[in-house]
Amino acid sequence: MILCRVTGTVVATQKHEHLRHNRILICHPVDLKKELTGSSFLALDVTDAGEGDLVLVNREGGAARILFNDMHIPLQAVVVGIVDGIDVDVDQACKARP
């Protein structure tokens, strides 16, 4: 899973039938200091997250298809949780990286 900040929404008047009941969000990965890093991507929202929310995104197509129990759904990323807070020693976590 990837920790992300929701930076926007996508308005789509026409969607694949399997995506019709969920919103598409623009998600931007963040580091442990909650600073934007990397490139943004689109994810299907199943949590009712909104712009500015910190979220957990499952970014594996196979897992997303299992989540929806549909092996034909055209989906790679799904917002699976809204993060209320993070408790981590950022300096210690950064030292642990190779």
Protein backbone atom coordinates (compact mmCIF):
# COMPACT_ATOMS: atom_id res chain seq x y z
CA MET A 1 0.00 0.00 0.00
CA ILE A 2 1.00 3.59 -0.60
CA LEU A 3 0.40 6.58 1.65
CA CYS A 4 -1.07 9.41 -0.47
CA ARG A 5 -2.70 12.82 -0.30
CA VAL A 6 -5.87 13.29 -2.36
CA THR A 7 -5.20 16.32 -4.56
CA GLY A 8 -8.33 16.31 -6.69
CA THR A 9 -11.18 14.42 -8.29
CA VAL A 10 -11.94 13.34 -11.83
CA VAL A 11 -15.33 14.06 -13.36
CA ALA A 12 -16.29 11.39 -15.86
CA THR A 13 -19.73 11.44 -17.41
CA GLN A 14 -19.08 8.03 -18.99
CA LYS A 15 -17.40 5.22 -17.03
CA HIS A 16 -16.90 1.52 -17.43
CA GLU A 17 -19.93 -0.24 -15.92
CA HIS A 18 -17.85 -1.69 -13.05
CA LEU A 19 -16.64 1.77 -12.01
CA ARG A 20 -19.96 3.56 -12.26
CA HIS A 21 -20.78 3.76 -8.52
CA ASN A 22 -17.43 5.10 -7.27
CA ARG A 23 -15.51 8.35 -7.63
CA ILE A 24 -12.08 8.58 -9.20
CA LEU A 25 -9.54 10.53 -7.15
CA ILE A 26 -6.19 12.07 -8.03
CA CYS A 27 -3.74 10.68 -5.47
CA HIS A 28 -0.19 11.91 -4.88
CA PRO A 29 2.26 9.77 -2.86
CA VAL A 30 3.68 11.34 0.31
CA ASP A 31 6.70 10.55 2.45
CA LEU A 32 6.68 10.00 6.23
CA LYS A 33 6.74 13.79 6.72
CA LYS A 34 3.55 13.94 4.61
CA GLU A 35 5.37 15.87 1.86
CA LEU A 36 4.41 15.13 -1.75
CA THR A 37 6.82 12.84 -3.54
CA GLY A 38 6.79 11.07 -6.89
CA SER A 39 4.02 11.38 -9.46
CA SER A 40 0.27 11.52 -8.95
CA PHE A 41 -2.03 8.81 -10.29
CA LEU A 42 -5.74 7.97 -10.42
CA ALA A 43 -7.44 5.65 -7.93
CA LEU A 44 -10.99 4.45 -7.45
CA ASP A 45 -12.43 5.58 -4.10
CA VAL A 46 -14.37 3.12 -1.95
CA THR A 47 -13.96 5.08 1.32
CA ASP A 48 -15.66 8.41 0.58
CA ALA A 49 -12.33 10.27 0.84
CA GLY A 50 -12.12 13.89 -0.21
CA GLU A 51 -9.62 16.41 -1.46
CA GLY A 52 -6.88 16.97 1.11
CA ASP A 53 -7.39 13.64 2.88
CA LEU A 54 -4.45 11.39 3.69
CA VAL A 55 -5.28 7.93 2.34
CA LEU A 56 -3.96 4.41 1.90
CA VAL A 57 -3.98 3.22 -1.69
CA ASN A 58 -3.70 -0.37 -2.86
CA ARG A 59 -1.87 -0.01 -6.17
CA GLU A 60 -1.85 -3.58 -7.45
CA GLY A 61 -4.34 -4.44 -10.17
CA GLY A 62 -4.67 -8.09 -9.11
CA ALA A 63 -5.47 -7.16 -5.52
CA ALA A 64 -7.93 -4.50 -6.70
CA ARG A 65 -9.74 -7.08 -8.82
CA ILE A 66 -9.88 -9.47 -5.84
CA LEU A 67 -11.29 -6.66 -3.67
CA PHE A 68 -14.17 -6.23 -6.14
CA ASN A 69 -14.41 -9.96 -6.83
CA ASP A 70 -14.23 -9.23 -10.56
CA MET A 71 -11.30 -10.41 -12.65
CA HIS A 72 -12.36 -8.20 -15.59
CA ILE A 73 -12.61 -4.83 -13.85
CA PRO A 74 -10.25 -2.30 -15.51
CA LEU A 75 -8.61 -1.15 -12.30
CA GLN A 76 -5.11 -0.74 -10.93
CA ALA A 77 -5.43 1.48 -7.82
CA VAL A 78 -8.05 1.65 -5.06
CA VAL A 79 -8.29 4.00 -2.07
CA VAL A 80 -8.84 1.51 0.76
CA GLY A 81 -8.48 3.68 3.87
CA ILE A 82 -8.56 7.23 5.21
CA VAL A 83 -5.64 7.87 7.58
CA ASP A 84 -6.47 9.75 10.77
CA GLY A 85 -2.86 10.03 11.92
CA ILE A 86 0.64 8.62 11.74
CA ASP A 87 2.83 7.87 14.75
CA VAL A 88 6.42 7.42 13.54
CA ASP A 89 9.88 8.67 14.48
CA VAL A 90 10.74 10.15 11.07
CA ASP A 91 14.46 10.54 11.83
CA GLN A 92 14.74 6.92 12.99
CA ALA A 93 12.74 5.61 10.01
CA CYS A 94 14.96 7.54 7.57
CA LYS A 95 18.13 6.09 9.18
CA ALA A 96 16.77 2.56 8.70
CA ARG A 97 16.63 2.99 4.92
CA PRO A 98 19.60 1.63 2.97
